[in-house]
Amino acid sequence: MKRRTFMHGLVAVPVLAYARPDTLPLRRATFEEVGSSVLVTMTLPALFRRYDREALASIDSGFDTTIHYMVKVWQHGKNRLVDTREVMVKIRRDPWKKRYVVSTREDSGWTKRTFTERDDAIAAAVKLDRVRVCAASDLERGEGGPYYFVTVLALRNPIVAKSDGDRSSGRGQGRDLEWFGRLVEVLAGERAQAEEVVHVKTNAFYLVER
């Protein structure tokens, strides 16, 4: 499988002159082309702050803490949305095995990793590690552009309104595909609500010539 690393040191490119996605705080990311896919790697440590004892205690409680990532690819300078992906991560401590479990759901399904230390599990949960953001065929190639960037909306234990007026949280067990579908609908048209919200954009990148 062929792997290419993008040139991504383009922070000198003006990114404040146009619409809404570009006004978000900048978070550095690395982009790769692997096979037919474009992958991103970046971390969002602000989802868990060291002084947030309640959030850390929740992980140790044995119940799931849920992180939802909505990842969007935009064409730089035109504010054109190229593609959208969702990633769900669950982190909890298994009291019987005395291990921290991080489960991740992407397009291909669920994967699971275990850790002995809570800090290591959190580091894994807040990292988008070579996550597919779009097909390479969706992007044009060339060092002269067009350029692209990614926005990430990350929510720790998001809250979704049910049709009967109740509130549903991403915390705990028993959250199913119906809940996930409601969450996507809310994120598409309403202001996100969660215990912690991080919304950032990446540095610009381009797809190299072959």
Protein backbone atom coordinates (compact mmCIF):
# COMPACT_ATOMS: atom_id res chain seq x y z
CA MET A 1 0.00 0.00 0.00
CA LYS A 2 1.43 3.33 -1.06
CA ARG A 3 1.84 5.98 1.61
CA ARG A 4 2.52 9.66 1.08
CA THR A 5 2.89 12.36 3.71
CA PHE A 6 1.47 15.75 2.80
CA MET A 7 3.37 18.98 3.10
CA HIS A 8 1.40 20.59 5.89
CA GLY A 9 3.56 23.51 7.05
CA LEU A 10 1.22 26.08 5.56
CA VAL A 11 0.32 28.14 8.61
CA ALA A 12 1.57 31.25 6.78
CA VAL A 13 -1.38 30.98 4.40
CA PRO A 14 -4.03 33.56 5.49
CA VAL A 15 -6.85 31.73 7.28
CA LEU A 16 -8.79 34.54 8.96
CA ALA A 17 -10.18 36.34 5.95
CA TYR A 18 -13.24 34.26 5.23
CA ALA A 19 -16.19 32.39 6.58
CA ARG A 20 -17.03 30.61 9.72
CA PRO A 21 -14.92 27.40 9.69
CA ASP A 22 -11.76 29.43 9.20
CA THR A 23 -12.35 31.51 12.33
CA LEU A 24 -11.91 28.51 14.62
CA PRO A 25 -8.77 28.08 16.78
CA LEU A 26 -5.89 26.37 15.01
CA ARG A 27 -4.78 22.88 16.03
CA ARG A 28 -1.83 21.30 14.22
CA ALA A 29 -2.48 18.04 12.39
CA THR A 30 -0.63 15.65 10.09
CA PHE A 31 -2.20 14.41 6.86
CA GLU A 32 -1.37 11.30 4.84
CA GLU A 33 -2.53 9.64 1.68
CA VAL A 34 -2.75 5.88 2.13
CA GLY A 35 -4.19 3.91 -0.76
CA SER A 36 -7.36 5.73 -1.82
CA SER A 37 -7.89 7.51 1.53
CA VAL A 38 -6.86 10.77 3.17
CA LEU A 39 -6.00 10.31 6.86
CA VAL A 40 -5.60 12.83 9.67
CA THR A 41 -3.71 12.55 12.96
CA MET A 42 -4.22 15.11 15.73
CA THR A 43 -4.84 15.35 19.47
CA LEU A 44 -7.39 17.33 21.48
CA PRO A 45 -6.15 17.20 25.11
CA ALA A 46 -8.56 19.95 26.22
CA LEU A 47 -11.38 17.36 26.25
CA PHE A 48 -10.07 16.18 29.65
CA ARG A 49 -8.52 18.79 31.93
CA ARG A 50 -6.37 17.56 34.79
CA TYR A 51 -8.26 19.64 37.36
CA ASP A 52 -11.65 18.24 36.25
CA ARG A 53 -11.95 15.67 39.03
CA GLU A 54 -15.53 14.81 38.15
CA ALA A 55 -14.63 13.84 34.60
CA LEU A 56 -11.72 11.69 35.78
CA ALA A 57 -13.82 10.07 38.50
CA SER A 58 -16.47 9.26 35.90
CA ILE A 59 -13.97 7.21 33.93
CA ASP A 60 -13.01 5.28 37.06
CA SER A 61 -16.68 4.63 37.91
CA GLY A 62 -16.96 1.83 35.34
CA PHE A 63 -19.53 3.68 33.19
CA ASP A 64 -18.76 4.82 29.67
CA THR A 65 -17.58 8.34 29.01
CA THR A 66 -18.45 9.07 25.38
CA ILE A 67 -16.62 11.37 22.98
CA HIS A 68 -18.19 12.21 19.65
CA TYR A 69 -16.02 13.65 16.88
CA MET A 70 -17.55 15.30 13.83
CA VAL A 71 -14.79 15.73 11.23
CA LYS A 72 -15.30 17.92 8.15
CA VAL A 73 -13.02 18.55 5.18
CA TRP A 74 -13.22 22.02 3.61
CA GLN A 75 -11.67 23.59 0.53
CA HIS A 76 -9.44 26.43 1.69
CA GLY A 77 -10.56 29.87 0.53
CA LYS A 78 -13.94 28.80 -0.83
CA ASN A 79 -15.60 27.48 2.33
CA ARG A 80 -16.76 24.46 0.30
CA LEU A 81 -17.58 21.34 2.32
CA VAL A 82 -15.92 18.27 0.78
CA ASP A 83 -16.90 15.49 3.20
CA THR A 84 -18.08 14.77 6.75
CA ARG A 85 -17.22 11.85 9.01
CA GLU A 86 -18.24 10.85 12.53
CA VAL A 87 -16.11 8.98 15.05
CA MET A 88 -17.36 7.78 18.44
CA VAL A 89 -15.04 6.88 21.31
CA LYS A 90 -15.97 5.33 24.66
CA ILE A 91 -13.60 5.18 27.62
CA ARG A 92 -14.13 3.43 30.97
CA ARG A 93 -12.38 1.40 33.62
CA ASP A 94 -13.11 -2.33 33.81
CA PRO A 95 -13.21 -2.97 37.58
CA TRP A 96 -12.82 -6.74 37.20
CA LYS A 97 -9.83 -6.75 34.86
CA LYS A 98 -8.45 -3.52 36.38
CA ARG A 99 -7.84 -2.12 32.93
CA TYR A 100 -8.99 0.98 31.09
CA VAL A 101 -10.91 0.21 27.91
CA VAL A 102 -11.04 2.58 24.94
CA SER A 103 -13.54 1.58 22.23
CA THR A 104 -13.65 3.44 18.91
CA ARG A 105 -16.30 3.30 16.20
CA GLU A 106 -15.53 4.43 12.66
CA ASP A 107 -16.99 3.43 9.29
CA SER A 108 -15.42 -0.03 9.55
CA GLY A 109 -16.98 -0.78 12.95
CA TRP A 110 -15.71 -0.97 16.53
CA THR A 111 -12.13 -1.47 17.69
CA LYS A 112 -11.04 -1.89 21.31
CA ARG A 113 -7.80 -1.15 23.17
CA THR A 114 -6.89 -1.67 26.82
CA PHE A 115 -4.50 0.27 29.07
CA THR A 116 -3.21 -0.14 32.60
CA GLU A 117 -2.91 3.61 33.25
CA ARG A 118 -5.76 6.11 33.05
CA ASP A 119 -3.55 8.81 31.52
CA ASP A 120 -2.59 6.49 28.67
CA ALA A 121 -6.25 5.63 28.03
CA ILE A 122 -7.23 9.32 27.97
CA ALA A 123 -4.36 10.10 25.60
CA ALA A 124 -5.67 7.43 23.23
CA ALA A 125 -9.28 8.64 23.53
CA VAL A 126 -8.45 12.26 22.66
CA LYS A 127 -6.29 11.36 19.66
CA LEU A 128 -7.60 10.99 16.15
CA ASP A 129 -4.98 8.53 14.98
CA ARG A 130 -4.85 8.21 11.19
CA VAL A 131 -8.60 8.64 10.87
CA ARG A 132 -10.00 8.58 7.34
CA VAL A 133 -11.53 11.95 6.49
CA CYS A 134 -12.30 11.56 2.78
CA ALA A 135 -11.36 9.74 -0.42
CA ALA A 136 -8.26 11.03 -2.19
CA SER A 137 -10.33 11.19 -5.38
CA ASP A 138 -12.47 13.91 -3.74
CA LEU A 139 -9.48 16.30 -3.78
CA GLU A 140 -7.57 17.96 -6.59
CA ARG A 141 -3.78 17.65 -6.70
CA GLY A 142 -1.00 20.20 -6.95
CA GLU A 143 1.45 22.26 -4.91
CA GLY A 144 -0.22 25.41 -6.18
CA GLY A 145 -3.53 24.35 -4.74
CA PRO A 146 -6.31 23.98 -4.15
CA TYR A 147 -5.61 23.71 -0.43
CA TYR A 148 -7.83 22.01 2.12
CA PHE A 149 -8.28 21.96 5.89
CA VAL A 150 -10.27 19.98 8.44
CA THR A 151 -12.55 21.13 11.24
CA VAL A 152 -13.21 18.91 14.24
CA LEU A 153 -16.13 19.33 16.63
CA ALA A 154 -15.46 17.12 19.67
CA LEU A 155 -18.01 16.64 22.43
CA ARG A 156 -17.47 14.81 25.70
CA ASN A 157 -20.73 13.24 26.88
CA PRO A 158 -22.96 15.15 24.42
CA ILE A 159 -26.56 15.88 25.38
CA VAL A 160 -29.37 15.28 22.90
CA ALA A 161 -32.99 16.34 23.20
CA LYS A 162 -35.53 13.52 22.89
CA SER A 163 -38.81 14.06 21.09
CA ASP A 164 -40.73 13.93 24.38
CA GLY A 165 -38.74 16.84 25.79
CA ASP A 166 -36.43 14.78 27.99
CA ARG A 167 -32.66 15.05 27.74
CA SER A 168 -30.39 12.16 26.84
CA SER A 169 -26.69 12.13 27.63
CA GLY A 170 -23.78 10.24 26.12
CA ARG A 171 -22.72 9.20 29.64
CA GLY A 172 -23.25 5.64 30.78
CA GLN A 173 -24.36 2.38 29.24
CA GLY A 174 -27.17 1.49 26.86
CA ARG A 175 -26.72 4.22 24.22
CA ASP A 176 -27.71 2.79 20.86
CA LEU A 177 -27.83 3.70 17.17
CA GLU A 178 -31.08 5.62 17.71
CA TRP A 179 -29.29 7.93 20.14
CA PHE A 180 -26.37 8.31 17.73
CA GLY A 181 -28.75 9.23 14.91
CA ARG A 182 -30.41 11.91 17.05
CA LEU A 183 -27.00 13.30 17.92
CA VAL A 184 -26.02 13.65 14.26
CA GLU A 185 -29.32 15.45 13.55
CA VAL A 186 -28.72 17.86 16.42
CA LEU A 187 -25.16 18.60 15.34
CA ALA A 188 -26.38 19.28 11.81
CA GLY A 189 -28.65 22.13 12.84
CA GLU A 190 -28.29 23.16 16.48
CA ARG A 191 -25.68 24.40 18.92
CA ALA A 192 -23.83 21.47 20.47
CA GLN A 193 -24.28 20.80 24.19
CA ALA A 194 -21.91 18.59 26.17
CA GLU A 195 -19.83 18.42 29.35
CA GLU A 196 -16.89 19.63 27.27
CA VAL A 197 -16.86 21.01 23.72
CA VAL A 198 -13.75 21.54 21.58
CA HIS A 199 -14.10 23.01 18.10
CA VAL A 200 -10.93 23.60 16.06
CA LYS A 201 -9.55 23.76 12.54
CA THR A 202 -6.32 22.26 11.26
CA ASN A 203 -3.46 23.73 9.27
CA ALA A 204 -4.01 23.78 5.51
CA PHE A 205 -2.73 20.93 3.33
CA TYR A 206 -2.65 19.92 -0.30
CA LEU A 207 -2.54 16.61 -2.16
CA VAL A 208 0.85 16.06 -3.77
CA GLU A 209 1.26 15.33 -7.46
CA ARG A 210 1.83 11.71 -8.45
